[in-house]
PDB file of all heavy atoms in Angstrom:
ATOM      1  N   ALA A   1     -32.498  32.090   6.507  1.00  0.00           N
ATOM      2  CA  ALA A   1     -33.934  32.089   6.200  1.00  0.00           C
ATOM      3  C   ALA A   1     -34.282  30.879   5.370  1.00  0.00           C
ATOM      4  O   ALA A   1     -33.609  30.519   4.411  1.00  0.00           O
ATOM      5  CB  ALA A   1     -34.310  33.371   5.448  1.00  0.00           C
ATOM      6  N   GLU A   2     -35.377  30.207   5.745  1.00  0.00           N
ATOM      7  CA  GLU A   2     -35.981  29.177   4.916  1.00  0.00           C
ATOM      8  C   GLU A   2     -37.030  29.837   4.078  1.00  0.00           C
ATOM      9  O   GLU A   2     -37.988  30.457   4.604  1.00  0.00           O
ATOM     10  CB  GLU A   2     -36.626  28.097   5.808  1.00  0.00           C
ATOM     11  CG  GLU A   2     -37.200  26.972   4.975  1.00  0.00           C
ATOM     12  CD  GLU A   2     -37.794  25.875   5.837  1.00  0.00           C
ATOM     13  OE1 GLU A   2     -37.747  25.991   7.095  1.00  0.00           O
ATOM     14  OE2 GLU A   2     -38.290  24.878   5.277  1.00  0.00           O
ATOM     15  N   VAL A   3     -36.883  29.769   2.766  1.00  0.00           N
ATOM     16  CA  VAL A   3     -37.777  30.428   1.803  1.00  0.00           C
ATOM     17  C   VAL A   3     -38.560  29.379   1.057  1.00  0.00           C
ATOM     18  O   VAL A   3     -37.967  28.484   0.458  1.00  0.00           O
ATOM     19  CB  VAL A   3     -37.003  31.338   0.858  1.00  0.00           C
ATOM     20  CG1 VAL A   3     -37.968  32.063  -0.092  1.00  0.00           C
ATOM     21  CG2 VAL A   3     -36.189  32.359   1.621  1.00  0.00           C
ATOM     22  N   ILE A   4     -39.889  29.430   1.085  1.00  0.00           N
ATOM     23  CA  ILE A   4     -40.746  28.457   0.453  1.00  0.00           C
ATOM     24  C   ILE A   4     -41.603  29.187  -0.584  1.00  0.00           C
ATOM     25  O   ILE A   4     -42.370  30.106  -0.266  1.00  0.00           O
ATOM     26  CB  ILE A   4     -41.646  27.776   1.487  1.00  0.00           C
ATOM     27  CG1 ILE A   4     -40.752  27.049   2.513  1.00  0.00           C
ATOM     28  CG2 ILE A   4     -42.633  26.826   0.828  1.00  0.00           C
ATOM     29  CD1 ILE A   4     -41.534  26.572   3.745  1.00  0.00           C
ATOM     30  N   LEU A   5     -41.500  28.747  -1.839  1.00  0.00           N
ATOM     31  CA  LEU A   5     -42.333  29.297  -2.915  1.00  0.00           C
ATOM     32  C   LEU A   5     -43.607  28.440  -3.030  1.00  0.00           C
ATOM     33  O   LEU A   5     -43.541  27.196  -2.902  1.00  0.00           O
ATOM     34  CB  LEU A   5     -41.584  29.234  -4.240  1.00  0.00           C
ATOM     35  CG  LEU A   5     -40.710  30.461  -4.594  1.00  0.00           C
ATOM     36  CD1 LEU A   5     -39.829  30.109  -5.782  1.00  0.00           C
ATOM     37  CD2 LEU A   5     -41.588  31.647  -4.905  1.00  0.00           C
ATOM     38  N   THR A   6     -44.723  29.108  -3.270  1.00  0.00           N
ATOM     39  CA  THR A   6     -45.994  28.361  -3.319  1.00  0.00           C
ATOM     40  C   THR A   6     -46.160  27.488  -4.524  1.00  0.00           C
ATOM     41  O   THR A   6     -46.931  26.528  -4.481  1.00  0.00           O
ATOM     42  CB  THR A   6     -47.151  29.349  -3.254  1.00  0.00           C
ATOM     43  OG1 THR A   6     -47.116  30.189  -4.452  1.00  0.00           O
ATOM     44  CG2 THR A   6     -47.121  30.222  -2.037  1.00  0.00           C
ATOM     45  N   GLY A   7     -45.549  27.824  -5.634  1.00  0.00           N
ATOM     46  CA  GLY A   7     -45.951  27.225  -6.903  1.00  0.00           C
ATOM     47  C   GLY A   7     -47.217  27.937  -7.370  1.00  0.00           C
ATOM     48  O   GLY A   7     -47.758  28.836  -6.726  1.00  0.00           O
ATOM     49  N   GLY A   8     -47.698  27.504  -8.516  1.00  0.00           N
ATOM     50  CA  GLY A   8     -48.859  28.144  -9.098  1.00  0.00           C
ATOM     51  C   GLY A   8     -48.565  28.635 -10.505  1.00  0.00           C
ATOM     52  O   GLY A   8     -47.484  28.422 -11.066  1.00  0.00           O
ATOM     53  N   ARG A   9     -49.544  29.348 -11.060  1.00  0.00           N
ATOM     54  CA  ARG A   9     -49.403  29.892 -12.435  1.00  0.00           C
ATOM     55  C   ARG A   9     -48.547  31.160 -12.376  1.00  0.00           C
ATOM     56  O   ARG A   9     -48.822  32.111 -11.614  1.00  0.00           O
ATOM     57  CB  ARG A   9     -50.757  30.186 -13.020  1.00  0.00           C
ATOM     58  CG  ARG A   9     -50.685  30.613 -14.453  1.00  0.00           C
ATOM     59  CD  ARG A   9     -52.071  30.760 -15.086  1.00  0.00           C
ATOM     60  NE  ARG A   9     -52.866  31.787 -14.438  1.00  0.00           N
ATOM     61  CZ  ARG A   9     -53.888  31.548 -13.606  1.00  0.00           C
ATOM     62  NH1 ARG A   9     -54.248  30.302 -13.294  1.00  0.00           N
ATOM     63  NH2 ARG A   9     -54.544  32.528 -13.055  1.00  0.00           N
ATOM     64  N   LEU A  10     -47.467  31.184 -13.163  1.00  0.00           N
ATOM     65  CA  LEU A  10     -46.521  32.328 -13.189  1.00  0.00           C
ATOM     66  C   LEU A  10     -47.145  33.489 -13.954  1.00  0.00           C
ATOM     67  O   LEU A  10     -47.524  33.357 -15.129  1.00  0.00           O
ATOM     68  CB  LEU A  10     -45.213  31.914 -13.798  1.00  0.00           C
ATOM     69  CG  LEU A  10     -44.207  33.057 -14.012  1.00  0.00           C
ATOM     70  CD1 LEU A  10     -43.805  33.665 -12.647  1.00  0.00           C
ATOM     71  CD2 LEU A  10     -42.980  32.512 -14.747  1.00  0.00           C
ATOM     72  N   ARG A  11     -47.188  34.655 -13.326  1.00  0.00           N
ATOM     73  CA  ARG A  11     -47.536  35.892 -14.004  1.00  0.00           C
ATOM     74  C   ARG A  11     -46.214  36.558 -14.391  1.00  0.00           C
ATOM     75  O   ARG A  11     -45.577  37.185 -13.549  1.00  0.00           O
ATOM     76  CB  ARG A  11     -48.393  36.739 -13.073  1.00  0.00           C
ATOM     77  CG  ARG A  11     -49.138  37.855 -13.804  1.00  0.00           C
ATOM     78  CD  ARG A  11     -50.212  38.458 -12.937  1.00  0.00           C
ATOM     79  NE  ARG A  11     -49.651  39.123 -11.765  1.00  0.00           N
ATOM     80  CZ  ARG A  11     -50.369  39.632 -10.782  1.00  0.00           C
ATOM     81  NH1 ARG A  11     -51.692  39.492 -10.795  1.00  0.00           N
ATOM     82  NH2 ARG A  11     -49.810  40.232  -9.766  1.00  0.00           N
ATOM     83  N   ARG A  12     -45.826  36.411 -15.657  1.00  0.00           N
ATOM     84  CA  ARG A  12     -44.491  36.872 -16.053  1.00  0.00           C
ATOM     85  C   ARG A  12     -44.287  38.351 -15.875  1.00  0.00           C
ATOM     86  O   ARG A  12     -43.158  38.807 -15.719  1.00  0.00           O
ATOM     87  CB  ARG A  12     -44.230  36.450 -17.509  1.00  0.00           C
ATOM     88  CG  ARG A  12     -44.102  34.965 -17.727  1.00  0.00           C
ATOM     89  CD  ARG A  12     -43.850  34.656 -19.164  1.00  0.00           C
ATOM     90  NE  ARG A  12     -43.606  33.214 -19.377  1.00  0.00           N
ATOM     91  CZ  ARG A  12     -44.538  32.301 -19.458  1.00  0.00           C
ATOM     92  NH1 ARG A  12     -45.814  32.675 -19.418  1.00  0.00           N
ATOM     93  NH2 ARG A  12     -44.240  31.026 -19.644  1.00  0.00           N
ATOM     94  N   ALA A  13     -45.358  39.138 -15.906  1.00  0.00           N
ATOM     95  CA  ALA A  13     -45.193  40.600 -15.835  1.00  0.00           C
ATOM     96  C   ALA A  13     -44.538  41.040 -14.549  1.00  0.00           C
ATOM     97  O   ALA A  13     -43.831  42.044 -14.519  1.00  0.00           O
ATOM     98  CB  ALA A  13     -46.554  41.265 -15.994  1.00  0.00           C
ATOM     99  N   ASP A  14     -44.784  40.321 -13.428  1.00  0.00           N
ATOM    100  CA  ASP A  14     -44.233  40.759 -12.145  1.00  0.00           C
ATOM    101  C   ASP A  14     -43.739  39.641 -11.226  1.00  0.00           C
ATOM    102  O   ASP A  14     -43.410  39.885 -10.072  1.00  0.00           O
ATOM    103  CB  ASP A  14     -45.288  41.594 -11.387  1.00  0.00           C
ATOM    104  CG  ASP A  14     -46.580  40.798 -11.059  1.00  0.00           C
ATOM    105  OD1 ASP A  14     -46.614  39.590 -11.363  1.00  0.00           O
ATOM    106  OD2 ASP A  14     -47.483  41.390 -10.474  1.00  0.00           O
ATOM    107  N   GLY A  15     -43.674  38.413 -11.764  1.00  0.00           N
ATOM    108  CA  GLY A  15     -43.107  37.322 -10.959  1.00  0.00           C
ATOM    109  C   GLY A  15     -44.071  36.786  -9.959  1.00  0.00           C
ATOM    110  O   GLY A  15     -43.665  36.050  -9.030  1.00  0.00           O
ATOM    111  N   GLY A  16     -45.373  37.086 -10.082  1.00  0.00           N
ATOM    112  CA  GLY A  16     -46.353  36.570  -9.145  1.00  0.00           C
ATOM    113  C   GLY A  16     -46.801  35.153  -9.465  1.00  0.00           C
ATOM    114  O   GLY A  16     -46.846  34.777 -10.649  1.00  0.00           O
ATOM    115  N   LEU A  17     -47.153  34.387  -8.440  1.00  0.00           N
ATOM    116  CA  LEU A  17     -47.682  33.041  -8.595  1.00  0.00           C
ATOM    117  C   LEU A  17     -49.092  33.042  -8.058  1.00  0.00           C
ATOM    118  O   LEU A  17     -49.309  33.440  -6.926  1.00  0.00           O
ATOM    119  CB  LEU A  17     -46.806  32.024  -7.853  1.00  0.00           C
ATOM    120  CG  LEU A  17     -45.368  31.879  -8.336  1.00  0.00           C
ATOM    121  CD1 LEU A  17     -44.526  31.130  -7.315  1.00  0.00           C
ATOM    122  CD2 LEU A  17     -45.308  31.221  -9.704  1.00  0.00           C
ATOM    123  N   THR A  18     -50.025  32.589  -8.896  1.00  0.00           N
ATOM    124  CA  THR A  18     -51.449  32.618  -8.498  1.00  0.00           C
ATOM    125  C   THR A  18     -52.097  31.267  -8.846  1.00  0.00           C
ATOM    126  O   THR A  18     -51.443  30.368  -9.364  1.00  0.00           O
ATOM    127  CB  THR A  18     -52.208  33.752  -9.177  1.00  0.00           C
ATOM    128  OG1 THR A  18     -52.224  33.535 -10.610  1.00  0.00           O
ATOM    129  CG2 THR A  18     -51.573  35.123  -8.889  1.00  0.00           C
ATOM    130  N   GLY A  19     -53.386  31.175  -8.518  1.00  0.00           N
ATOM    131  CA  GLY A  19     -54.147  29.987  -8.897  1.00  0.00           C
ATOM    132  C   GLY A  19     -54.270  28.991  -7.726  1.00  0.00           C
ATOM    133  O   GLY A  19     -53.834  29.236  -6.621  1.00  0.00           O
ATOM    134  N   ASP A  20     -54.941  27.872  -8.009  1.00  0.00           N
ATOM    135  CA  ASP A  20     -55.306  26.909  -7.008  1.00  0.00           C
ATOM    136  C   ASP A  20     -54.086  26.326  -6.321  1.00  0.00           C
ATOM    137  O   ASP A  20     -54.114  26.085  -5.084  1.00  0.00           O
ATOM    138  CB  ASP A  20     -56.115  25.756  -7.600  1.00  0.00           C
ATOM    139  CG  ASP A  20     -57.502  26.195  -8.070  1.00  0.00           C
ATOM    140  OD1 ASP A  20     -57.981  27.250  -7.574  1.00  0.00           O
ATOM    141  OD2 ASP A  20     -58.107  25.474  -8.874  1.00  0.00           O
ATOM    142  N   MET A  21     -52.998  26.093  -7.057  1.00  0.00           N
ATOM    143  CA  MET A  21     -51.824  25.503  -6.426  1.00  0.00           C
ATOM    144  C   MET A  21     -51.215  26.448  -5.371  1.00  0.00           C
ATOM    145  O   MET A  21     -50.820  25.968  -4.284  1.00  0.00           O
ATOM    146  CB  MET A  21     -50.751  25.206  -7.480  1.00  0.00           C
ATOM    147  CG  MET A  21     -49.546  24.448  -6.952  1.00  0.00           C
ATOM    148  SD  MET A  21     -48.312  24.054  -8.223  1.00  0.00           S
ATOM    149  CE  MET A  21     -49.276  22.914  -9.234  1.00  0.00           C
ATOM    150  N   ALA A  22     -51.210  27.740  -5.686  1.00  0.00           N
ATOM    151  CA  ALA A  22     -50.718  28.697  -4.700  1.00  0.00           C
ATOM    152  C   ALA A  22     -51.555  28.703  -3.449  1.00  0.00           C
ATOM    153  O   ALA A  22     -51.047  28.705  -2.309  1.00  0.00           O
ATOM    154  CB  ALA A  22     -50.676  30.084  -5.328  1.00  0.00           C
ATOM    155  N   VAL A  23     -52.885  28.710  -3.629  1.00  0.00           N
ATOM    156  CA  VAL A  23     -53.813  28.725  -2.496  1.00  0.00           C
ATOM    157  C   VAL A  23     -53.642  27.445  -1.656  1.00  0.00           C
ATOM    158  O   VAL A  23     -53.580  27.512  -0.386  1.00  0.00           O
ATOM    159  CB  VAL A  23     -55.260  28.867  -2.973  1.00  0.00           C
ATOM    160  CG1 VAL A  23     -56.245  28.675  -1.806  1.00  0.00           C
ATOM    161  CG2 VAL A  23     -55.503  30.230  -3.628  1.00  0.00           C
ATOM    162  N   GLU A  24     -53.571  26.264  -2.305  1.00  0.00           N
ATOM    163  CA  GLU A  24     -53.456  25.016  -1.585  1.00  0.00           C
ATOM    164  C   GLU A  24     -52.131  24.977  -0.805  1.00  0.00           C
ATOM    165  O   GLU A  24     -52.080  24.431   0.326  1.00  0.00           O
ATOM    166  CB  GLU A  24     -53.525  23.857  -2.562  1.00  0.00           C
ATOM    167  CG  GLU A  24     -54.937  23.634  -3.092  1.00  0.00           C
ATOM    168  CD  GLU A  24     -55.985  23.527  -2.004  1.00  0.00           C
ATOM    169  OE1 GLU A  24     -55.746  22.767  -1.044  1.00  0.00           O
ATOM    170  OE2 GLU A  24     -57.025  24.214  -2.056  1.00  0.00           O
ATOM    171  N   THR A  25     -51.059  25.481  -1.353  1.00  0.00           N
ATOM    172  CA  THR A  25     -49.773  25.487  -0.651  1.00  0.00           C
ATOM    173  C   THR A  25     -49.878  26.341   0.615  1.00  0.00           C
ATOM    174  O   THR A  25     -49.477  25.964   1.722  1.00  0.00           O
ATOM    175  CB  THR A  25     -48.639  26.027  -1.540  1.00  0.00           C
ATOM    176  OG1 THR A  25     -48.563  25.222  -2.728  1.00  0.00           O
ATOM    177  CG2 THR A  25     -47.317  26.001  -0.808  1.00  0.00           C
ATOM    178  N   ILE A  26     -50.461  27.529   0.486  1.00  0.00           N
ATOM    179  CA  ILE A  26     -50.619  28.433   1.606  1.00  0.00           C
ATOM    180  C   ILE A  26     -51.425  27.797   2.718  1.00  0.00           C
ATOM    181  O   ILE A  26     -51.112  27.942   3.918  1.00  0.00           O
ATOM    182  CB  ILE A  26     -51.272  29.757   1.131  1.00  0.00           C
ATOM    183  CG1 ILE A  26     -50.240  30.564   0.307  1.00  0.00           C
ATOM    184  CG2 ILE A  26     -51.785  30.582   2.299  1.00  0.00           C
ATOM    185  CD1 ILE A  26     -50.802  31.611  -0.538  1.00  0.00           C
ATOM    186  N   ARG A  27     -52.478  27.047   2.360  1.00  0.00           N
ATOM    187  CA  ARG A  27     -53.295  26.436   3.363  1.00  0.00           C
ATOM    188  C   ARG A  27     -52.593  25.334   4.175  1.00  0.00           C
ATOM    189  O   ARG A  27     -53.145  24.830   5.174  1.00  0.00           O
ATOM    190  CB  ARG A  27     -54.578  25.914   2.756  1.00  0.00           C
ATOM    191  CG  ARG A  27     -55.444  27.024   2.159  1.00  0.00           C
ATOM    192  CD  ARG A  27     -56.896  26.604   2.011  1.00  0.00           C
ATOM    193  NE  ARG A  27     -57.693  27.641   1.352  1.00  0.00           N
ATOM    194  CZ  ARG A  27     -58.143  28.762   1.927  1.00  0.00           C
ATOM    195  NH1 ARG A  27     -57.862  28.983   3.209  1.00  0.00           N
ATOM    196  NH2 ARG A  27     -58.858  29.625   1.280  1.00  0.00           N
ATOM    197  N   GLN A  28     -51.418  24.948   3.766  1.00  0.00           N
ATOM    198  CA  GLN A  28     -50.629  23.978   4.529  1.00  0.00           C
ATOM    199  C   GLN A  28     -49.834  24.590   5.664  1.00  0.00           C
ATOM    200  O   GLN A  28     -49.239  23.863   6.467  1.00  0.00           O
ATOM    201  CB  GLN A  28     -49.641  23.240   3.594  1.00  0.00           C
ATOM    202  CG  GLN A  28     -50.351  22.393   2.528  1.00  0.00           C
ATOM    203  CD  GLN A  28     -49.339  21.739   1.612  1.00  0.00           C
ATOM    204  OE1 GLN A  28     -48.306  21.202   2.045  1.00  0.00           O
ATOM    205  NE2 GLN A  28     -49.600  21.770   0.313  1.00  0.00           N
ATOM    206  N   PHE A  29     -49.904  25.922   5.768  1.00  0.00           N
ATOM    207  CA  PHE A  29     -49.101  26.624   6.789  1.00  0.00           C
ATOM    208  C   PHE A  29     -49.991  27.444   7.734  1.00  0.00           C
ATOM    209  O   PHE A  29     -51.098  27.834   7.375  1.00  0.00           O
ATOM    210  CB  PHE A  29     -48.085  27.556   6.135  1.00  0.00           C
ATOM    211  CG  PHE A  29     -47.032  26.843   5.334  1.00  0.00           C
ATOM    212  CD1 PHE A  29     -47.252  26.507   3.991  1.00  0.00           C
ATOM    213  CD2 PHE A  29     -45.847  26.482   5.929  1.00  0.00           C
ATOM    214  CE1 PHE A  29     -46.271  25.833   3.268  1.00  0.00           C
ATOM    215  CE2 PHE A  29     -44.893  25.824   5.208  1.00  0.00           C
ATOM    216  CZ  PHE A  29     -45.095  25.488   3.896  1.00  0.00           C
ATOM    217  N   LYS A  30     -49.493  27.657   8.924  1.00  0.00           N
ATOM    218  CA  LYS A  30     -50.089  28.599   9.864  1.00  0.00           C
ATOM    219  C   LYS A  30     -48.938  29.424  10.414  1.00  0.00           C
ATOM    220  O   LYS A  30     -48.102  28.912  11.178  1.00  0.00           O
ATOM    221  CB  LYS A  30     -50.807  27.865  11.010  1.00  0.00           C
ATOM    222  CG  LYS A  30     -51.579  28.787  11.902  1.00  0.00           C
ATOM    223  CD  LYS A  30     -52.884  29.257  11.220  1.00  0.00           C
ATOM    224  CE  LYS A  30     -53.769  30.051  12.146  1.00  0.00           C
ATOM    225  NZ  LYS A  30     -55.042  30.467  11.545  1.00  0.00           N
ATOM    226  N   VAL A  31     -48.786  30.667   9.959  1.00  0.00           N
ATOM    227  CA  VAL A  31     -47.599  31.423  10.284  1.00  0.00           C
ATOM    228  C   VAL A  31     -47.899  32.544  11.295  1.00  0.00           C
ATOM    229  O   VAL A  31     -49.069  32.856  11.605  1.00  0.00           O
ATOM    230  CB  VAL A  31     -47.017  32.043   8.995  1.00  0.00           C
ATOM    231  CG1 VAL A  31     -46.675  30.936   7.962  1.00  0.00           C
ATOM    232  CG2 VAL A  31     -47.956  33.106   8.423  1.00  0.00           C
ATOM    233  N   ASP A  32     -46.800  33.113  11.784  1.00  0.00           N
ATOM    234  CA  ASP A  32     -46.957  34.193  12.786  1.00  0.00           C
ATOM    235  C   ASP A  32     -47.561  35.461  12.179  1.00  0.00           C
ATOM    236  O   ASP A  32     -48.363  36.102  12.831  1.00  0.00           O
ATOM    237  CB  ASP A  32     -45.579  34.516  13.373  1.00  0.00           C
ATOM    238  CG  ASP A  32     -44.963  33.363  14.082  1.00  0.00           C
ATOM    239  OD1 ASP A  32     -45.688  32.614  14.815  1.00  0.00           O
ATOM    240  OD2 ASP A  32     -43.727  33.144  13.937  1.00  0.00           O
ATOM    241  N   MET A  33     -47.145  35.765  10.962  1.00  0.00           N
ATOM    242  CA  MET A  33     -47.590  37.077  10.429  1.00  0.00           C
ATOM    243  C   MET A  33     -47.730  37.034   8.920  1.00  0.00           C
ATOM    244  O   MET A  33     -46.876  36.470   8.218  1.00  0.00           O
ATOM    245  CB  MET A  33     -46.580  38.188  10.799  1.00  0.00           C
ATOM    246  CG  MET A  33     -47.039  39.585  10.357  1.00  0.00           C
ATOM    247  SD  MET A  33     -45.837  40.841  10.914  1.00  0.00           S
ATOM    248  CE  MET A  33     -46.022  40.711  12.707  1.00  0.00           C
TER     249      MET A  33
END
């Protein structure tokens, strides 16, 4: 598996990454599901 992390602001409580950097990374991809 190729695993790509979005980057972004780390939410330490649960390991989530949010914010503009996460959104911009996601918009670079078009995935199956």
